[in-house]
Amino acid sequence: MQDLDTARRRFKEQRPVPWEQLPDFALYMDQVLSYMDRQVLRFDEEDTLTAAMVNNYTKSGLVPRAEGKKYGREHLAYLTAICILKRVMSTRDMDLLIHEELQGDRSVEDGYAAFCASLDDALNLAAAEMDRRPQSDTLADAAIHFALLSYAAGLASSRYVALLRQEQAEADPPRGGKARNKKEKERD
């Protein structure tokens, strides 16, 4: 059970660094990958960030392009959020949420701070839930309990994303229909 005590302690203590503590100088890819290992709570090597992943996130528009071959605070903030969210949502949904959070005058710094605050709440809830589990629980019982919490939270997240997509569709209806009608009228 020492592993569970270690996990519980890490859930309570390990957090991405605040914006002000992110390096304020440019990093090369290998430095970014090494840095991200410290930013994200992990218990194994299976979900380590790779250079290919960073390149794919950049190509898809999830992460801004590097300046030359150097990455700054904004890149680290984006990658921190992506490395955490990729375990529970699709790239398409991450893209929607990241862009929605950074609309208007909201800076990456403010979006990152809000993300870290929500992550802190979630990790504290998980740690408290671990503390609350009876000692008589088997590992399987506890794992099922947390899987079901994840299922419920995933459903709630999916519902919020669906409602956000619906709001966006209503606010910005597709323009293709009007353009086609205009072209059809011109032909007549």
N, C-alpha and C. Protein backbone atom coordinates (compact mmCIF):
# COMPACT_ATOMS: atom_id res chain seq x y z
N MET A 1 0.81 -1.21 0.00
CA MET A 1 0.00 0.00 0.00
C MET A 1 0.85 1.27 0.00
N GLN A 2 2.17 1.08 0.09
CA GLN A 2 3.06 2.24 0.06
C GLN A 2 2.93 2.96 -1.28
N ASP A 3 2.71 2.20 -2.37
CA ASP A 3 2.52 2.83 -3.68
C ASP A 3 1.30 3.74 -3.68
N LEU A 4 0.24 3.33 -2.99
CA LEU A 4 -0.96 4.18 -2.91
C LEU A 4 -0.69 5.43 -2.09
N ASP A 5 0.09 5.30 -1.03
CA ASP A 5 0.45 6.47 -0.24
C ASP A 5 1.27 7.46 -1.07
N THR A 6 2.18 6.94 -1.87
CA THR A 6 2.98 7.79 -2.75
C THR A 6 2.09 8.47 -3.78
N ALA A 7 1.18 7.70 -4.37
CA ALA A 7 0.26 8.27 -5.37
C ALA A 7 -0.60 9.36 -4.74
N ARG A 8 -1.14 9.09 -3.58
CA ARG A 8 -1.99 10.06 -2.88
C ARG A 8 -1.21 11.35 -2.59
N ARG A 9 0.02 11.18 -2.12
CA ARG A 9 0.86 12.35 -1.83
C ARG A 9 1.14 13.15 -3.09
N ARG A 10 1.43 12.46 -4.20
CA ARG A 10 1.68 13.16 -5.46
C ARG A 10 0.43 13.88 -5.95
N PHE A 11 -0.74 13.27 -5.77
CA PHE A 11 -1.99 13.92 -6.15
C PHE A 11 -2.18 15.21 -5.35
N LYS A 12 -1.74 15.20 -4.13
CA LYS A 12 -1.90 16.38 -3.28
C LYS A 12 -0.85 17.45 -3.54
N GLU A 13 0.34 17.05 -3.99
CA GLU A 13 1.46 17.98 -4.03
C GLU A 13 1.96 18.35 -5.42
N GLN A 14 1.96 17.42 -6.36
CA GLN A 14 2.60 17.68 -7.65
C GLN A 14 1.67 18.45 -8.57
N ARG A 15 2.13 19.60 -9.03
CA ARG A 15 1.37 20.47 -9.91
C ARG A 15 2.29 21.05 -10.97
N PRO A 16 1.72 21.42 -12.12
CA PRO A 16 2.52 22.19 -13.07
C PRO A 16 2.92 23.52 -12.42
N VAL A 17 4.06 24.04 -12.81
CA VAL A 17 4.50 25.30 -12.22
C VAL A 17 3.60 26.43 -12.70
N PRO A 18 3.42 27.47 -11.89
CA PRO A 18 2.66 28.63 -12.34
C PRO A 18 3.38 29.35 -13.48
N TRP A 19 2.64 30.18 -14.19
CA TRP A 19 3.15 30.90 -15.35
C TRP A 19 4.48 31.59 -15.05
N GLU A 20 4.56 32.28 -13.90
CA GLU A 20 5.75 33.05 -13.57
C GLU A 20 6.98 32.17 -13.42
N GLN A 21 6.79 30.88 -13.13
CA GLN A 21 7.92 29.98 -12.94
C GLN A 21 8.28 29.20 -14.21
N LEU A 22 7.45 29.34 -15.26
CA LEU A 22 7.84 28.74 -16.54
C LEU A 22 9.07 29.46 -17.04
N PRO A 23 9.98 28.76 -17.70
CA PRO A 23 11.19 29.43 -18.19
C PRO A 23 10.85 30.64 -19.06
N ASP A 24 11.52 31.75 -18.83
CA ASP A 24 11.27 32.96 -19.62
C ASP A 24 12.31 33.12 -20.72
N PHE A 25 12.92 32.02 -21.10
CA PHE A 25 13.87 31.98 -22.20
C PHE A 25 13.49 30.83 -23.12
N ALA A 26 13.93 30.88 -24.35
CA ALA A 26 13.54 29.87 -25.33
C ALA A 26 14.25 28.54 -25.08
N LEU A 27 13.50 27.45 -25.33
CA LEU A 27 14.02 26.10 -25.16
C LEU A 27 14.02 25.37 -26.50
N TYR A 28 14.99 24.49 -26.69
CA TYR A 28 14.99 23.61 -27.85
C TYR A 28 14.10 22.40 -27.55
N MET A 29 13.75 21.66 -28.60
CA MET A 29 12.81 20.55 -28.46
C MET A 29 13.21 19.58 -27.36
N ASP A 30 14.45 19.14 -27.31
CA ASP A 30 14.85 18.17 -26.29
C ASP A 30 14.68 18.75 -24.88
N GLN A 31 14.89 20.05 -24.72
CA GLN A 31 14.68 20.70 -23.42
C GLN A 31 13.19 20.76 -23.08
N VAL A 32 12.36 21.00 -24.10
CA VAL A 32 10.91 21.03 -23.89
C VAL A 32 10.43 19.66 -23.42
N LEU A 33 10.87 18.61 -24.09
CA LEU A 33 10.45 17.26 -23.73
C LEU A 33 10.86 16.91 -22.31
N SER A 34 12.07 17.26 -21.94
CA SER A 34 12.55 17.02 -20.59
C SER A 34 11.75 17.83 -19.57
N TYR A 35 11.47 19.07 -19.91
CA TYR A 35 10.72 19.94 -19.01
C TYR A 35 9.31 19.41 -18.79
N MET A 36 8.67 18.94 -19.85
CA MET A 36 7.29 18.47 -19.75
C MET A 36 7.17 17.25 -18.84
N ASP A 37 8.23 16.47 -18.71
CA ASP A 37 8.21 15.33 -17.79
C ASP A 37 7.96 15.78 -16.35
N ARG A 38 8.38 16.99 -16.03
CA ARG A 38 8.19 17.52 -14.67
C ARG A 38 6.84 18.23 -14.53
N GLN A 39 6.25 18.65 -15.64
CA GLN A 39 5.00 19.42 -15.60
C GLN A 39 3.76 18.55 -15.37
N VAL A 40 3.83 17.31 -15.78
CA VAL A 40 2.65 16.45 -15.82
C VAL A 40 2.79 15.29 -14.84
N LEU A 41 1.75 15.03 -14.09
CA LEU A 41 1.74 13.92 -13.15
C LEU A 41 1.60 12.62 -13.94
N ARG A 42 2.61 11.77 -13.84
CA ARG A 42 2.60 10.49 -14.54
C ARG A 42 3.15 9.43 -13.61
N PHE A 43 2.69 8.19 -13.86
CA PHE A 43 3.18 7.07 -13.06
C PHE A 43 3.93 6.04 -13.88
N ASP A 44 3.96 6.24 -15.21
CA ASP A 44 4.72 5.35 -16.08
C ASP A 44 5.16 6.11 -17.32
N GLU A 45 5.89 5.45 -18.16
CA GLU A 45 6.48 6.09 -19.34
C GLU A 45 5.58 6.04 -20.56
N GLU A 46 4.43 5.39 -20.49
CA GLU A 46 3.63 5.18 -21.70
C GLU A 46 3.09 6.45 -22.34
N ASP A 47 2.91 7.50 -21.59
CA ASP A 47 2.35 8.71 -22.17
C ASP A 47 3.35 9.87 -22.19
N THR A 48 4.61 9.55 -22.39
CA THR A 48 5.66 10.56 -22.50
C THR A 48 5.47 11.37 -23.78
N LEU A 49 5.63 12.66 -23.69
CA LEU A 49 5.57 13.53 -24.85
C LEU A 49 6.79 13.29 -25.74
N THR A 50 6.56 13.21 -27.05
CA THR A 50 7.65 13.01 -28.00
C THR A 50 7.71 14.20 -28.97
N ALA A 51 8.83 14.31 -29.66
CA ALA A 51 8.99 15.38 -30.66
C ALA A 51 7.95 15.23 -31.76
N ALA A 52 7.66 14.00 -32.16
CA ALA A 52 6.64 13.77 -33.20
C ALA A 52 5.27 14.28 -32.74
N MET A 53 4.96 14.07 -31.48
CA MET A 53 3.68 14.55 -30.95
C MET A 53 3.63 16.08 -30.99
N VAL A 54 4.69 16.72 -30.55
CA VAL A 54 4.74 18.19 -30.57
C VAL A 54 4.55 18.69 -32.00
N ASN A 55 5.24 18.06 -32.94
CA ASN A 55 5.11 18.46 -34.35
C ASN A 55 3.68 18.26 -34.85
N ASN A 56 3.05 17.16 -34.46
CA ASN A 56 1.66 16.93 -34.87
C ASN A 56 0.71 17.96 -34.24
N TYR A 57 0.93 18.29 -32.99
CA TYR A 57 0.09 19.30 -32.33
C TYR A 57 0.27 20.66 -33.00
N THR A 58 1.49 20.94 -33.44
CA THR A 58 1.75 22.21 -34.13
C THR A 58 1.09 22.21 -35.50
N LYS A 59 1.24 21.13 -36.26
CA LYS A 59 0.63 21.03 -37.58
C LYS A 59 -0.88 21.15 -37.52
N SER A 60 -1.49 20.60 -36.48
CA SER A 60 -2.95 20.63 -36.36
C SER A 60 -3.46 21.97 -35.81
N GLY A 61 -2.54 22.84 -35.39
CA GLY A 61 -2.93 24.15 -34.88
C GLY A 61 -3.21 24.20 -33.40
N LEU A 62 -2.99 23.09 -32.70
CA LEU A 62 -3.20 23.08 -31.25
C LEU A 62 -2.14 23.89 -30.51
N VAL A 63 -0.94 23.91 -31.04
CA VAL A 63 0.18 24.62 -30.43
C VAL A 63 0.72 25.61 -31.47
N PRO A 64 1.00 26.85 -31.06
CA PRO A 64 1.59 27.80 -32.01
C PRO A 64 2.93 27.30 -32.53
N ARG A 65 3.29 27.74 -33.70
CA ARG A 65 4.58 27.36 -34.28
C ARG A 65 5.73 27.91 -33.43
N ALA A 66 6.80 27.14 -33.39
CA ALA A 66 8.00 27.56 -32.66
C ALA A 66 8.64 28.73 -33.40
N GLU A 67 9.32 29.55 -32.66
CA GLU A 67 10.07 30.67 -33.25
C GLU A 67 11.46 30.16 -33.56
N GLY A 68 11.70 29.91 -34.83
CA GLY A 68 12.92 29.20 -35.21
C GLY A 68 12.72 27.77 -34.76
N LYS A 69 13.60 27.30 -33.95
CA LYS A 69 13.43 25.97 -33.36
C LYS A 69 13.35 26.08 -31.85
N LYS A 70 12.87 27.23 -31.40
CA LYS A 70 12.83 27.48 -29.96
C LYS A 70 11.40 27.68 -29.48
N TYR A 71 11.15 27.17 -28.28
CA TYR A 71 9.82 27.19 -27.67
C TYR A 71 9.86 28.03 -26.40
N GLY A 72 8.81 28.83 -26.19
CA GLY A 72 8.75 29.71 -25.02
C GLY A 72 7.66 29.32 -24.05
N ARG A 73 7.35 30.23 -23.16
CA ARG A 73 6.33 30.01 -22.12
C ARG A 73 4.99 29.59 -22.69
N GLU A 74 4.55 30.30 -23.74
CA GLU A 74 3.24 29.97 -24.32
C GLU A 74 3.20 28.53 -24.80
N HIS A 75 4.27 28.08 -25.43
CA HIS A 75 4.32 26.71 -25.92
C HIS A 75 4.22 25.72 -24.75
N LEU A 76 4.95 26.03 -23.68
CA LEU A 76 4.93 25.14 -22.52
C LEU A 76 3.54 25.11 -21.88
N ALA A 77 2.86 26.24 -21.85
CA ALA A 77 1.50 26.29 -21.30
C ALA A 77 0.56 25.44 -22.14
N TYR A 78 0.61 25.62 -23.46
CA TYR A 78 -0.23 24.82 -24.35
C TYR A 78 0.07 23.33 -24.19
N LEU A 79 1.35 22.98 -24.20
CA LEU A 79 1.72 21.57 -24.11
C LEU A 79 1.35 20.95 -22.77
N THR A 80 1.42 21.72 -21.71
CA THR A 80 0.99 21.21 -20.40
C THR A 80 -0.48 20.83 -20.45
N ALA A 81 -1.31 21.74 -20.96
CA ALA A 81 -2.75 21.46 -21.04
C ALA A 81 -3.02 20.26 -21.95
N ILE A 82 -2.36 20.20 -23.08
CA ILE A 82 -2.58 19.11 -24.03
C ILE A 82 -2.15 17.78 -23.45
N CYS A 83 -0.99 17.73 -22.80
CA CYS A 83 -0.51 16.47 -22.21
C CYS A 83 -1.46 15.92 -21.16
N ILE A 84 -2.14 16.80 -20.47
CA ILE A 84 -3.09 16.37 -19.45
C ILE A 84 -4.43 15.99 -20.08
N LEU A 85 -4.92 16.84 -20.97
CA LEU A 85 -6.24 16.60 -21.56
C LEU A 85 -6.26 15.43 -22.54
N LYS A 86 -5.13 15.12 -23.17
CA LYS A 86 -5.12 14.06 -24.18
C LYS A 86 -5.50 12.70 -23.61
N ARG A 87 -5.36 12.54 -22.34
CA ARG A 87 -5.74 11.26 -21.71
C ARG A 87 -7.25 11.08 -21.63
N VAL A 88 -7.99 12.19 -21.75
CA VAL A 88 -9.43 12.09 -21.53
C VAL A 88 -10.30 12.66 -22.65
N MET A 89 -9.69 13.28 -23.66
CA MET A 89 -10.52 13.83 -24.74
C MET A 89 -9.78 13.82 -26.07
N SER A 90 -10.56 13.96 -27.11
CA SER A 90 -10.02 13.94 -28.47
C SER A 90 -9.29 15.24 -28.78
N THR A 91 -8.43 15.17 -29.78
CA THR A 91 -7.72 16.37 -30.25
C THR A 91 -8.71 17.42 -30.70
N ARG A 92 -9.77 16.99 -31.38
CA ARG A 92 -10.80 17.91 -31.86
C ARG A 92 -11.44 18.67 -30.70
N ASP A 93 -11.76 17.96 -29.62
CA ASP A 93 -12.37 18.62 -28.46
C ASP A 93 -11.37 19.53 -27.74
N MET A 94 -10.10 19.09 -27.65
CA MET A 94 -9.08 19.94 -27.05
C MET A 94 -8.94 21.24 -27.83
N ASP A 95 -8.92 21.13 -29.15
CA ASP A 95 -8.80 22.30 -30.00
C ASP A 95 -9.94 23.28 -29.75
N LEU A 96 -11.15 22.76 -29.70
CA LEU A 96 -12.32 23.60 -29.44
C LEU A 96 -12.18 24.32 -28.10
N LEU A 97 -11.86 23.59 -27.05
CA LEU A 97 -11.81 24.17 -25.71
C LEU A 97 -10.66 25.17 -25.55
N ILE A 98 -9.51 24.84 -26.09
CA ILE A 98 -8.37 25.76 -25.97
C ILE A 98 -8.68 27.06 -26.69
N HIS A 99 -9.20 26.96 -27.90
CA HIS A 99 -9.52 28.19 -28.64
C HIS A 99 -10.66 28.96 -27.99
N GLU A 100 -11.62 28.27 -27.44
CA GLU A 100 -12.73 28.94 -26.76
C GLU A 100 -12.23 29.68 -25.51
N GLU A 101 -11.33 29.06 -24.78
CA GLU A 101 -10.80 29.67 -23.56
C GLU A 101 -9.95 30.91 -23.84
N LEU A 102 -9.37 30.98 -25.03
CA LEU A 102 -8.46 32.08 -25.34
C LEU A 102 -9.09 33.11 -26.26
N GLN A 103 -10.41 33.12 -26.36
CA GLN A 103 -11.08 34.12 -27.19
C GLN A 103 -11.06 35.48 -26.53
N GLY A 104 -11.23 36.49 -27.36
CA GLY A 104 -11.31 37.85 -26.84
C GLY A 104 -9.96 38.32 -26.32
N ASP A 105 -10.00 38.98 -25.18
CA ASP A 105 -8.79 39.56 -24.60
C ASP A 105 -8.07 38.64 -23.63
N ARG A 106 -8.55 37.41 -23.48
CA ARG A 106 -7.93 36.50 -22.51
C ARG A 106 -6.57 36.05 -23.00
N SER A 107 -5.58 36.28 -22.20
CA SER A 107 -4.21 35.92 -22.57
C SER A 107 -3.96 34.44 -22.30
N VAL A 108 -2.89 33.94 -22.91
CA VAL A 108 -2.48 32.56 -22.64
C VAL A 108 -2.14 32.42 -21.16
N GLU A 109 -1.52 33.45 -20.60
CA GLU A 109 -1.18 33.42 -19.17
C GLU A 109 -2.44 33.23 -18.32
N ASP A 110 -3.51 33.99 -18.60
CA ASP A 110 -4.75 33.86 -17.83
C ASP A 110 -5.42 32.51 -18.07
N GLY A 111 -5.41 32.04 -19.31
CA GLY A 111 -5.99 30.73 -19.61
C GLY A 111 -5.24 29.62 -18.91
N TYR A 112 -3.92 29.72 -18.88
CA TYR A 112 -3.08 28.73 -18.20
C TYR A 112 -3.35 28.74 -16.69
N ALA A 113 -3.49 29.93 -16.12
CA ALA A 113 -3.78 30.03 -14.67
C ALA A 113 -5.13 29.39 -14.35
N ALA A 114 -6.14 29.63 -15.19
CA ALA A 114 -7.46 29.02 -14.97
C ALA A 114 -7.38 27.51 -15.11
N PHE A 115 -6.63 27.04 -16.10
CA PHE A 115 -6.44 25.60 -16.30
C PHE A 115 -5.78 24.98 -15.06
N CYS A 116 -4.71 25.60 -14.58
CA CYS A 116 -3.99 25.07 -13.40
C CYS A 116 -4.88 25.07 -12.16
N ALA A 117 -5.74 26.07 -12.01
CA ALA A 117 -6.65 26.12 -10.86
C ALA A 117 -7.66 24.97 -10.94
N SER A 118 -8.20 24.72 -12.13
CA SER A 118 -9.14 23.60 -12.29
C SER A 118 -8.44 22.26 -12.07
N LEU A 119 -7.22 22.15 -12.56
CA LEU A 119 -6.46 20.91 -12.35
C LEU A 119 -6.19 20.70 -10.87
N ASP A 120 -5.84 21.75 -10.16
CA ASP A 120 -5.60 21.67 -8.73
C ASP A 120 -6.85 21.15 -8.01
N ASP A 121 -8.00 21.70 -8.35
CA ASP A 121 -9.26 21.24 -7.76
C ASP A 121 -9.49 19.75 -8.03
N ALA A 122 -9.28 19.34 -9.29
CA ALA A 122 -9.53 17.95 -9.68
C ALA A 122 -8.58 16.99 -8.95
N LEU A 123 -7.31 17.35 -8.87
CA LEU A 123 -6.35 16.47 -8.19
C LEU A 123 -6.63 16.40 -6.69
N ASN A 124 -7.02 17.53 -6.09
CA ASN A 124 -7.39 17.51 -4.67
C ASN A 124 -8.62 16.65 -4.42
N LEU A 125 -9.59 16.72 -5.33
CA LEU A 125 -10.79 15.86 -5.20
C LEU A 125 -10.41 14.39 -5.29
N ALA A 126 -9.53 14.05 -6.23
CA ALA A 126 -9.10 12.66 -6.38
C ALA A 126 -8.35 12.19 -5.13
N ALA A 127 -7.48 13.04 -4.60
CA ALA A 127 -6.73 12.68 -3.39
C ALA A 127 -7.69 12.49 -2.21
N ALA A 128 -8.66 13.38 -2.08
CA ALA A 128 -9.64 13.26 -0.99
C ALA A 128 -10.46 11.98 -1.15
N GLU A 129 -10.80 11.66 -2.37
CA GLU A 129 -11.56 10.44 -2.62
C GLU A 129 -10.72 9.21 -2.29
N MET A 130 -9.42 9.26 -2.56
CA MET A 130 -8.53 8.16 -2.19
C MET A 130 -8.48 8.02 -0.66
N ASP A 131 -8.41 9.16 0.03
CA ASP A 131 -8.38 9.14 1.51
C ASP A 131 -9.67 8.55 2.08
N ARG A 132 -10.76 8.79 1.39
CA ARG A 132 -12.09 8.39 1.86
C ARG A 132 -12.38 6.91 1.65
N ARG A 133 -11.65 6.28 0.75
CA ARG A 133 -11.90 4.86 0.44
C ARG A 133 -11.60 4.01 1.66
N PRO A 134 -12.49 3.07 1.94
CA PRO A 134 -12.24 2.18 3.10
C PRO A 134 -10.99 1.32 2.89
N GLN A 135 -10.27 1.07 3.94
CA GLN A 135 -9.07 0.24 3.88
C GLN A 135 -9.41 -1.19 3.45
N SER A 136 -10.67 -1.58 3.67
CA SER A 136 -11.07 -2.94 3.32
C SER A 136 -11.31 -3.12 1.82
N ASP A 137 -11.36 -2.02 1.09
CA ASP A 137 -11.53 -2.12 -0.36
C ASP A 137 -10.38 -2.90 -0.98
N THR A 138 -10.71 -3.71 -1.93
CA THR A 138 -9.64 -4.35 -2.70
C THR A 138 -9.16 -3.35 -3.74
N LEU A 139 -8.02 -3.63 -4.31
CA LEU A 139 -7.52 -2.77 -5.38
C LEU A 139 -8.52 -2.73 -6.53
N ALA A 140 -9.14 -3.86 -6.82
CA ALA A 140 -10.13 -3.92 -7.91
C ALA A 140 -11.33 -3.03 -7.59
N ASP A 141 -11.83 -3.10 -6.36
CA ASP A 141 -12.98 -2.25 -5.97
C ASP A 141 -12.64 -0.77 -6.12
N ALA A 142 -11.47 -0.39 -5.65
CA ALA A 142 -11.07 1.01 -5.75
C ALA A 142 -10.88 1.42 -7.21
N ALA A 143 -10.27 0.55 -8.01
CA ALA A 143 -10.05 0.87 -9.42
C ALA A 143 -11.39 1.03 -10.14
N ILE A 144 -12.36 0.17 -9.85
CA ILE A 144 -13.69 0.30 -10.46
C ILE A 144 -14.34 1.61 -10.02
N HIS A 145 -14.22 1.94 -8.76
CA HIS A 145 -14.80 3.18 -8.25
C HIS A 145 -14.25 4.39 -9.02
N PHE A 146 -12.93 4.45 -9.17
CA PHE A 146 -12.33 5.58 -9.88
C PHE A 146 -12.64 5.54 -11.37
N ALA A 147 -12.74 4.35 -11.95
CA ALA A 147 -13.13 4.24 -13.36
C ALA A 147 -14.54 4.79 -13.55
N LEU A 148 -15.43 4.51 -12.62
CA LEU A 148 -16.80 5.01 -12.72
C LEU A 148 -16.86 6.52 -12.51
N LEU A 149 -16.03 7.05 -11.61
CA LEU A 149 -15.94 8.51 -11.47
C LEU A 149 -15.44 9.14 -12.76
N SER A 150 -14.47 8.50 -13.38
CA SER A 150 -13.94 8.99 -14.65
C SER A 150 -15.02 8.93 -15.73
N TYR A 151 -15.78 7.86 -15.76
CA TYR A 151 -16.88 7.71 -16.72
C TYR A 151 -17.89 8.85 -16.55
N ALA A 152 -18.29 9.09 -15.31
CA ALA A 152 -19.28 10.14 -15.04
C ALA A 152 -18.73 11.52 -15.41
N ALA A 153 -17.50 11.79 -15.04
CA ALA A 153 -16.89 13.08 -15.38
C ALA A 153 -16.72 13.21 -16.89
N GLY A 154 -16.37 12.13 -17.56
CA GLY A 154 -16.25 12.14 -19.02
C GLY A 154 -17.57 12.44 -19.70
N LEU A 155 -18.66 11.85 -19.19
CA LEU A 155 -19.98 12.15 -19.73
C LEU A 155 -20.32 13.63 -19.55
N ALA A 156 -20.04 14.15 -18.38
CA ALA A 156 -20.33 15.56 -18.12
C ALA A 156 -19.50 16.45 -19.06
N SER A 157 -18.23 16.14 -19.22
CA SER A 157 -17.37 16.92 -20.11
C SER A 157 -17.89 16.85 -21.55
N SER A 158 -18.25 15.66 -22.00
CA SER A 158 -18.78 15.50 -23.36
C SER A 158 -20.04 16.31 -23.57
N ARG A 159 -20.87 16.37 -22.55
CA ARG A 159 -22.11 17.14 -22.67
C ARG A 159 -21.81 18.63 -22.79
N TYR A 160 -20.89 19.12 -21.97
CA TYR A 160 -20.50 20.54 -22.06
C TYR A 160 -19.91 20.86 -23.44
N VAL A 161 -19.07 19.97 -23.96
CA VAL A 161 -18.48 20.19 -25.29
C VAL A 161 -19.57 20.21 -26.35
N ALA A 162 -20.52 19.28 -26.27
CA ALA A 162 -21.62 19.24 -27.24
C ALA A 162 -22.45 20.52 -27.18
N LEU A 163 -22.72 21.01 -25.99
CA LEU A 163 -23.48 22.25 -25.85
C LEU A 163 -22.70 23.44 -26.39
N LEU A 164 -21.40 23.45 -26.19
CA LEU A 164 -20.55 24.51 -26.73
C LEU A 164 -20.57 24.49 -28.25
N ARG A 165 -20.46 23.29 -28.83
CA ARG A 165 -20.52 23.17 -30.30
C ARG A 165 -21.87 23.66 -30.82
N GLN A 166 -22.94 23.32 -30.11
CA GLN A 166 -24.28 23.75 -30.50
C GLN A 166 -24.39 25.27 -30.45
N GLU A 167 -23.90 25.88 -29.37
CA GLU A 167 -23.90 27.35 -29.26
C GLU A 167 -23.15 27.99 -30.41
N GLN A 168 -21.99 27.44 -30.73
CA GLN A 168 -21.19 28.00 -31.82
C GLN A 168 -21.91 27.87 -33.17
N ALA A 169 -22.55 26.74 -33.38
CA ALA A 169 -23.27 26.53 -34.64
C ALA A 169 -24.43 27.52 -34.77
N GLU A 170 -25.11 27.79 -33.68
CA GLU A 170 -26.24 28.74 -33.70
C GLU A 170 -25.74 30.17 -33.89
N ALA A 171 -24.59 30.49 -33.33
CA ALA A 171 -24.05 31.84 -33.44
C ALA A 171 -23.42 32.10 -34.81
N ASP A 172 -22.94 31.06 -35.45
CA ASP A 172 -22.26 31.21 -36.74
C ASP A 172 -22.76 30.13 -37.69
N PRO A 173 -23.97 30.30 -38.28
CA PRO A 173 -24.50 29.26 -39.16
C PRO A 173 -23.63 29.12 -40.41
N PRO A 174 -23.63 27.92 -40.99
CA PRO A 174 -22.81 27.70 -42.20
C PRO A 174 -23.22 28.66 -43.30
N ARG A 175 -22.22 29.15 -44.02
CA ARG A 175 -22.49 30.12 -45.08
C ARG A 175 -22.66 29.46 -46.44
N GLY A 176 -22.34 28.19 -46.54
CA GLY A 176 -22.39 27.50 -47.82
C GLY A 176 -23.76 27.55 -48.48
N GLY A 177 -24.83 27.43 -47.71
CA GLY A 177 -26.18 27.43 -48.27
C GLY A 177 -26.51 28.72 -48.97
N LYS A 178 -26.19 29.85 -48.36
CA LYS A 178 -26.49 31.15 -48.96
C LYS A 178 -25.66 31.35 -50.22
N ALA A 179 -24.41 30.97 -50.20
CA ALA A 179 -23.55 31.15 -51.37
C ALA A 179 -24.06 30.31 -52.53
N ARG A 180 -24.47 29.08 -52.26
CA ARG A 180 -24.99 28.25 -53.33
C ARG A 180 -26.26 28.84 -53.91
N ASN A 181 -27.13 29.34 -53.08
CA ASN A 181 -28.37 29.93 -53.57
C ASN A 181 -28.08 31.14 -54.45
N LYS A 182 -27.11 31.95 -54.08
CA LYS A 182 -26.76 33.13 -54.86
C LYS A 182 -26.22 32.71 -56.23
N LYS A 183 -25.34 31.68 -56.24
CA LYS A 183 -24.80 31.19 -57.51
C LYS A 183 -25.89 30.62 -58.39
N GLU A 184 -26.82 29.89 -57.77
CA GLU A 184 -27.94 29.33 -58.55
C GLU A 184 -28.77 30.43 -59.15
N LYS A 185 -29.01 31.50 -58.43
CA LYS A 185 -29.79 32.62 -58.94
C LYS A 185 -29.07 33.29 -60.10
N GLU A 186 -27.73 33.40 -60.01
CA GLU A 186 -26.95 34.02 -61.07
C GLU A 186 -27.05 33.22 -62.36
N ARG A 187 -27.13 31.88 -62.24
CA ARG A 187 -27.24 31.04 -63.43
C ARG A 187 -28.59 31.20 -64.11
N ASP A 188 -29.62 31.47 -63.33
CA ASP A 188 -30.99 31.58 -63.86
C ASP A 188 -31.20 32.79 -64.65
